[in-house]
């Protein structure tokens, strides 16, 4: 989370006038994160203070947002702890603020865990939570193509290849080709549905050792469930050198399978999907790292993350194929 688009107290008061949630006594920008502008908002009503999160979306148009409004409310109604757009007194959750689509959402009370503090118990907890997320969304009535999915990485890998070393360009091109091959061979048989799409460790909150909430569902799309699990494994179970901690990964996979069993085709495709997940985030980090601007962001500098971290994970997944 971060602040790219400023919000004034007067603008916030105008938005809050549509709700019956109380009077604003404090709001402040949330630093950290990558894609959207976020504020903590404290409201007081009848002597009681309640905290909320206001999110302004930097990369989506107003017309793209109903999918996320419906998905957040759908999951929350099925006891999946995710942020969702709170409806105003007229039943409207999607707002517009400072030229950006915006939500007012509940704030969860849990805390983050640093990556190298994650334990097998933590990984088991997110495994169960992700499986419940997948099953809760399997009959969701809307679909969405990932905005950074297969067509995006085909195009962007070609665009940036001339700016990479010969070795890196070849690695990127080969991983894109291998996923195309997997998709052609197994695309019809791999279980799919709504995925989170960005469930890194900083998009979860903990109370004790258990996951209390899954945050930032705004990369959600209709895709292979196993790809979503591979994203988690590559982040939650990784060592500083890019290798995978087998104890954490085993805990993650076993806990997920307790809620949703794996199909045989998923066991077959898991090694490549772990590589594809690493490639996708290596590519999305390379683009801003190379100074290629993202025109959709209104203001502020994008916070950069080191692409070599994901390259190391990709190389580790190639050297030591994953086992489901």
Protein backbone atom coordinates (compact mmCIF):
# COMPACT_ATOMS: atom_id res chain seq x y z
CA UNK A 1 0.00 0.00 0.00
CA UNK A 2 1.15 3.53 -0.70
CA UNK A 3 0.00 7.09 -1.40
CA UNK A 4 0.08 8.28 -5.00
CA UNK A 5 -3.09 10.39 -5.08
CA UNK A 6 -3.60 12.95 -2.29
CA UNK A 7 -6.97 13.30 -0.56
CA UNK A 8 -7.97 16.44 1.33
CA UNK A 9 -10.12 16.45 4.50
CA UNK A 10 -12.89 18.22 2.57
CA UNK A 11 -12.89 15.55 -0.14
CA UNK A 12 -13.03 12.80 2.47
CA UNK A 13 -15.90 14.49 4.30
CA UNK A 14 -17.86 14.72 1.04
CA UNK A 15 -17.42 11.00 0.47
CA UNK A 16 -18.34 10.10 4.07
CA UNK A 17 -21.54 12.13 3.85
CA UNK A 18 -23.05 9.23 1.88
CA UNK A 19 -22.53 6.85 4.80
CA UNK A 20 -23.98 6.55 8.29
CA UNK A 21 -20.69 5.54 9.88
CA UNK A 22 -19.85 8.60 11.97
CA UNK A 23 -17.51 11.58 11.86
CA UNK A 24 -13.89 11.46 10.75
CA UNK A 25 -11.49 12.19 13.59
CA UNK A 26 -8.29 11.06 11.89
CA UNK A 27 -6.98 9.88 8.54
CA UNK A 28 -3.45 9.20 7.36
CA UNK A 29 -1.75 7.72 4.33
CA UNK A 30 -0.40 4.19 4.45
CA UNK A 31 3.16 3.80 3.21
CA UNK A 32 4.48 0.64 1.61
CA UNK A 33 3.06 -1.55 -1.12
CA UNK A 34 3.06 -0.94 -4.83
CA UNK A 35 -0.08 -0.32 -6.81
CA UNK A 36 -2.81 1.70 -5.04
CA UNK A 37 -3.28 4.70 -2.75
CA UNK A 38 -4.43 3.78 0.76
CA UNK A 39 -5.45 5.69 3.88
CA UNK A 40 -6.40 4.65 7.38
CA UNK A 41 -9.63 6.44 8.33
CA UNK A 42 -10.86 6.65 11.94
CA UNK A 43 -14.54 7.44 12.43
CA UNK A 44 -16.40 8.16 15.65
CA UNK A 45 -20.07 7.38 16.18
CA UNK A 46 -21.93 7.43 19.50
CA UNK A 47 -18.65 7.68 21.37
CA UNK A 48 -17.16 4.62 19.66
CA UNK A 49 -14.19 4.79 17.29
CA UNK A 50 -13.90 2.42 14.31
CA UNK A 51 -11.07 2.21 11.81
CA UNK A 52 -11.49 1.73 8.08
CA UNK A 53 -9.26 1.66 5.00
CA UNK A 54 -9.89 3.95 2.05
CA UNK A 55 -8.37 2.70 -1.22
CA UNK A 56 -8.02 4.71 -4.42
CA UNK A 57 -7.23 2.54 -7.44
CA UNK A 58 -4.40 3.80 -9.62
CA UNK A 59 -4.41 1.24 -12.45
CA UNK A 60 -8.10 0.51 -13.04
CA UNK A 61 -10.85 2.55 -14.61
CA UNK A 62 -14.18 3.03 -12.87
CA UNK A 63 -15.74 0.61 -15.37
CA UNK A 64 -13.34 -2.18 -14.38
CA UNK A 65 -14.17 -2.05 -10.69
CA UNK A 66 -17.58 -3.78 -10.35
CA UNK A 67 -15.85 -7.17 -10.60
CA UNK A 68 -13.89 -6.40 -7.43
CA UNK A 69 -16.90 -4.94 -5.62
CA UNK A 70 -18.88 -8.11 -6.26
CA UNK A 71 -15.98 -10.47 -5.53
CA UNK A 72 -15.07 -8.89 -2.20
CA UNK A 73 -18.65 -9.02 -0.99
CA UNK A 74 -19.11 -12.58 -2.32
CA UNK A 75 -16.06 -13.89 -0.47
CA UNK A 76 -16.83 -12.02 2.75
CA UNK A 77 -20.35 -13.46 2.76
CA UNK A 78 -18.75 -16.92 2.60
CA UNK A 79 -16.53 -16.26 5.61
CA UNK A 80 -13.36 -15.64 3.61
CA UNK A 81 -11.71 -12.73 5.46
CA UNK A 82 -10.97 -10.20 2.72
CA UNK A 83 -11.50 -6.44 2.41
CA UNK A 84 -14.72 -5.51 0.67
CA UNK A 85 -16.44 -2.31 -0.42
CA UNK A 86 -18.77 -1.09 2.32
CA UNK A 87 -22.09 0.02 0.86
CA UNK A 88 -23.39 3.50 1.64
CA UNK A 89 -26.98 4.22 2.71
CA UNK A 90 -28.05 3.85 -0.92
CA UNK A 91 -26.44 0.42 -1.35
CA UNK A 92 -23.49 1.77 -3.37
CA UNK A 93 -19.97 0.52 -2.60
CA UNK A 94 -18.02 1.84 -5.59
CA UNK A 95 -17.09 5.52 -5.25
CA UNK A 96 -15.00 8.03 -7.16
CA UNK A 97 -12.51 10.34 -5.48
CA UNK A 98 -10.01 12.70 -7.03
CA UNK A 99 -10.52 11.10 -10.41
CA UNK A 100 -9.95 7.60 -9.09
CA UNK A 101 -12.34 4.75 -8.30
CA UNK A 102 -12.40 4.23 -4.54
CA UNK A 103 -13.66 1.87 -1.81
CA UNK A 104 -14.18 2.35 1.89
CA UNK A 105 -13.37 -0.99 3.52
CA UNK A 106 -13.18 -2.57 6.99
CA UNK A 107 -9.78 -2.55 8.66
CA UNK A 108 -8.48 -5.84 10.07
CA UNK A 109 -6.54 -5.83 13.34
CA UNK A 110 -3.82 -8.42 12.62
CA UNK A 111 -0.18 -7.77 11.86
CA UNK A 112 2.30 -8.64 9.14
CA UNK A 113 5.14 -11.16 9.33
CA UNK A 114 8.55 -10.61 7.81
CA UNK A 115 9.36 -13.13 5.12
CA UNK A 116 12.19 -14.82 6.99
CA UNK A 117 10.09 -15.07 10.16
CA UNK A 118 7.52 -17.28 8.43
CA UNK A 119 7.27 -20.77 9.89
CA UNK A 120 5.79 -24.04 8.62
CA UNK A 121 2.78 -23.30 10.86
CA UNK A 122 2.28 -19.93 9.14
CA UNK A 123 2.60 -21.57 5.73
CA UNK A 124 0.05 -24.22 6.66
CA UNK A 125 -2.34 -21.48 7.74
CA UNK A 126 -2.10 -19.63 4.42
CA UNK A 127 -2.43 -22.93 2.57
CA UNK A 128 -5.77 -23.64 4.21
CA UNK A 129 -6.90 -20.03 3.75
CA UNK A 130 -6.03 -20.03 0.04
CA UNK A 131 -7.85 -23.32 -0.57
CA UNK A 132 -10.96 -21.88 1.12
CA UNK A 133 -10.60 -18.75 -1.02
CA UNK A 134 -10.53 -20.90 -4.16
CA UNK A 135 -13.50 -23.05 -3.19
CA UNK A 136 -15.56 -20.03 -2.09
CA UNK A 137 -15.04 -18.42 -5.48
CA UNK A 138 -15.55 -21.49 -7.66
CA UNK A 139 -19.17 -20.59 -8.45
CA UNK A 140 -18.65 -16.81 -8.53
CA UNK A 141 -20.84 -15.42 -11.30
CA UNK A 142 -18.27 -13.10 -12.96
CA UNK A 143 -15.01 -13.89 -14.74
CA UNK A 144 -12.00 -11.74 -15.42
CA UNK A 145 -8.85 -12.12 -17.49
CA UNK A 146 -5.73 -11.23 -15.52
CA UNK A 147 -4.39 -7.82 -16.55
CA UNK A 148 -0.87 -9.25 -16.21
CA UNK A 149 -1.56 -12.72 -17.50
CA UNK A 150 -0.38 -14.76 -20.45
CA UNK A 151 -1.11 -12.17 -23.17
CA UNK A 152 0.57 -9.47 -21.13
CA UNK A 153 3.74 -11.44 -20.48
CA UNK A 154 4.00 -12.52 -24.12
CA UNK A 155 3.87 -8.88 -25.25
CA UNK A 156 6.04 -7.41 -22.50
CA UNK A 157 8.72 -10.09 -22.70
CA UNK A 158 9.16 -9.30 -26.38
CA UNK A 159 9.21 -5.56 -25.70
CA UNK A 160 11.94 -5.66 -23.06
CA UNK A 161 14.10 -8.47 -24.50
CA UNK A 162 16.36 -6.01 -26.40
CA UNK A 163 17.13 -4.26 -23.09
CA UNK A 164 18.23 -7.45 -21.33
CA UNK A 165 21.41 -9.47 -21.49
CA UNK A 166 21.40 -12.28 -24.05
CA UNK A 167 21.19 -14.80 -21.19
CA UNK A 168 18.25 -13.09 -19.43
CA UNK A 169 16.34 -12.54 -22.67
CA UNK A 170 16.74 -16.21 -23.54
CA UNK A 171 15.60 -17.32 -20.09
CA UNK A 172 12.52 -15.11 -20.20
CA UNK A 173 11.57 -16.18 -23.72
CA UNK A 174 11.96 -19.86 -22.89
CA UNK A 175 9.75 -19.64 -19.80
CA UNK A 176 7.02 -17.88 -21.78
CA UNK A 177 7.25 -20.64 -24.41
CA UNK A 178 7.08 -23.41 -21.82
CA UNK A 179 3.92 -22.00 -20.29
CA UNK A 180 2.32 -21.71 -23.73
CA UNK A 181 3.17 -25.38 -24.22
CA UNK A 182 1.65 -26.31 -20.85
CA UNK A 183 -1.47 -24.28 -21.59
CA UNK A 184 -1.94 -25.95 -24.95
CA UNK A 185 -1.46 -29.45 -23.52
CA UNK A 186 -3.22 -29.19 -20.15
CA UNK A 187 -5.24 -25.98 -20.25
CA UNK A 188 -8.60 -27.72 -20.54
CA UNK A 189 -7.98 -30.17 -17.70
CA UNK A 190 -6.29 -28.01 -15.05
CA UNK A 191 -8.74 -26.93 -12.30
CA UNK A 192 -9.45 -23.23 -12.49
CA UNK A 193 -11.54 -20.52 -10.93
CA UNK A 194 -11.03 -17.24 -9.12
CA UNK A 195 -7.45 -16.74 -7.94
CA UNK A 196 -5.96 -14.05 -5.72
CA UNK A 197 -3.05 -13.49 -8.08
CA UNK A 198 -0.72 -11.63 -5.71
CA UNK A 199 -0.72 -13.43 -2.37
CA UNK A 200 2.74 -12.48 -1.18
CA UNK A 201 3.39 -12.57 2.57
CA UNK A 202 2.74 -8.83 2.95
CA UNK A 203 -0.80 -9.35 1.67
CA UNK A 204 -1.76 -11.38 4.73
CA UNK A 205 -2.38 -10.38 8.34
CA UNK A 206 -1.75 -12.65 11.32
CA UNK A 207 -3.20 -13.02 14.76
CA UNK A 208 -0.78 -15.29 16.56
CA UNK A 209 0.37 -17.94 14.09
CA UNK A 210 -2.84 -17.97 12.09
CA UNK A 211 -3.82 -15.89 9.07
CA UNK A 212 -6.54 -13.44 10.07
CA UNK A 213 -7.10 -11.79 6.69
CA UNK A 214 -6.08 -11.90 3.04
CA UNK A 215 -5.55 -8.41 1.63
CA UNK A 216 -5.35 -6.77 -1.79
CA UNK A 217 -7.59 -8.93 -3.96
CA UNK A 218 -7.24 -6.53 -6.88
CA UNK A 219 -5.13 -8.88 -8.99
CA UNK A 220 -7.89 -11.49 -8.76
CA UNK A 221 -8.81 -13.18 -12.03
CA UNK A 222 -10.07 -16.42 -13.51
CA UNK A 223 -7.07 -18.70 -13.88
CA UNK A 224 -5.46 -21.96 -12.79
CA UNK A 225 -5.75 -22.42 -9.03
CA UNK A 226 -2.35 -24.10 -8.95
CA UNK A 227 -0.69 -21.01 -10.42
CA UNK A 228 -2.01 -19.06 -7.41
CA UNK A 229 -0.53 -21.64 -5.04
CA UNK A 230 2.80 -21.44 -6.89
CA UNK A 231 2.92 -17.68 -6.30
CA UNK A 232 2.49 -18.32 -2.57
CA UNK A 233 5.09 -21.10 -2.47
CA UNK A 234 7.68 -18.95 -4.25
CA UNK A 235 7.32 -16.18 -1.68
CA UNK A 236 6.29 -17.78 1.62
CA UNK A 237 8.71 -20.71 1.41
CA UNK A 238 11.81 -19.06 -0.06
CA UNK A 239 15.26 -18.71 1.51
CA UNK A 240 17.37 -15.57 1.01
CA UNK A 241 19.41 -17.27 -1.74
CA UNK A 242 16.28 -18.08 -3.75
CA UNK A 243 16.14 -21.75 -2.79
CA UNK A 244 12.94 -23.21 -1.36
CA UNK A 245 12.65 -24.35 2.24
CA UNK A 246 11.19 -27.88 1.95
CA UNK A 247 9.64 -27.84 5.44
CA UNK A 248 7.66 -24.66 4.79
CA UNK A 249 6.63 -25.75 1.29
CA UNK A 250 5.52 -29.18 2.49
CA UNK A 251 3.42 -27.58 5.23
CA UNK A 252 1.84 -25.22 2.70
CA UNK A 253 0.97 -27.95 0.20
CA UNK A 254 -0.29 -30.49 2.73
CA UNK A 255 -2.54 -27.92 4.43
CA UNK A 256 -3.97 -26.75 1.11
CA UNK A 257 -4.69 -30.35 0.11
CA UNK A 258 -6.58 -30.92 3.37
CA UNK A 259 -9.19 -28.45 2.08
CA UNK A 260 -8.97 -29.08 -1.68
CA UNK A 261 -7.39 -32.26 -3.04
CA UNK A 262 -5.00 -32.04 -5.98
CA UNK A 263 -5.84 -33.57 -9.35
CA UNK A 264 -3.29 -35.78 -11.09
CA UNK A 265 -2.79 -33.17 -13.81
CA UNK A 266 -1.83 -30.65 -11.11
CA UNK A 267 0.91 -32.93 -9.82
CA UNK A 268 2.20 -33.20 -13.39
CA UNK A 269 2.20 -29.45 -14.09
CA UNK A 270 3.31 -28.13 -10.67
CA UNK A 271 7.04 -27.91 -11.52
CA UNK A 272 6.41 -25.70 -14.54
CA UNK A 273 3.79 -23.55 -12.84
CA UNK A 274 6.27 -22.74 -10.07
CA UNK A 275 8.67 -21.58 -12.76
CA UNK A 276 5.95 -19.61 -14.54
CA UNK A 277 4.94 -17.84 -11.33
CA UNK A 278 8.55 -16.80 -10.74
CA UNK A 279 8.87 -15.63 -14.35
CA UNK A 280 5.69 -13.53 -14.17
CA UNK A 281 6.87 -11.52 -11.16
CA UNK A 282 10.43 -11.29 -12.44
CA UNK A 283 8.98 -9.66 -15.56
CA UNK A 284 6.65 -7.29 -13.68
CA UNK A 285 9.59 -6.11 -11.57
CA UNK A 286 11.92 -5.76 -14.53
CA UNK A 287 9.65 -3.30 -16.34
CA UNK A 288 9.78 -0.44 -13.78
CA UNK A 289 13.37 -1.37 -12.87
CA UNK A 290 14.36 -0.61 -16.46
CA UNK A 291 12.65 2.77 -16.20
CA UNK A 292 9.61 1.93 -18.30
CA UNK A 293 6.79 4.11 -17.02
CA UNK A 294 3.28 2.99 -16.25
CA UNK A 295 1.03 5.63 -17.73
CA UNK A 296 -2.01 4.67 -15.67
CA UNK A 297 -0.51 5.88 -12.40
CA UNK A 298 -1.55 9.47 -11.73
CA UNK A 299 1.22 10.67 -9.46
CA UNK A 300 4.14 9.63 -7.31
CA UNK A 301 7.10 7.42 -8.02
CA UNK A 302 6.48 3.71 -8.19
CA UNK A 303 8.21 1.80 -5.43
CA UNK A 304 10.73 -0.55 -7.00
CA UNK A 305 11.40 -4.14 -5.99
CA UNK A 306 14.55 -6.00 -6.99
CA UNK A 307 13.81 -8.24 -10.01
CA UNK A 308 16.88 -10.37 -9.30
CA UNK A 309 15.08 -11.82 -6.26
CA UNK A 310 12.57 -13.50 -8.59
CA UNK A 311 15.24 -14.45 -11.09
CA UNK A 312 17.07 -16.35 -8.34
CA UNK A 313 13.84 -18.16 -7.45
CA UNK A 314 13.26 -19.05 -11.10
CA UNK A 315 16.77 -20.43 -11.46
CA UNK A 316 16.35 -22.41 -8.23
CA UNK A 317 13.07 -23.87 -9.52
CA UNK A 318 14.83 -24.91 -12.73
CA UNK A 319 17.78 -26.48 -10.87
CA UNK A 320 15.54 -28.24 -8.33
CA UNK A 321 12.12 -28.96 -9.84
CA UNK A 322 9.21 -28.59 -7.45
CA UNK A 323 7.29 -31.66 -6.28
CA UNK A 324 3.61 -31.64 -5.38
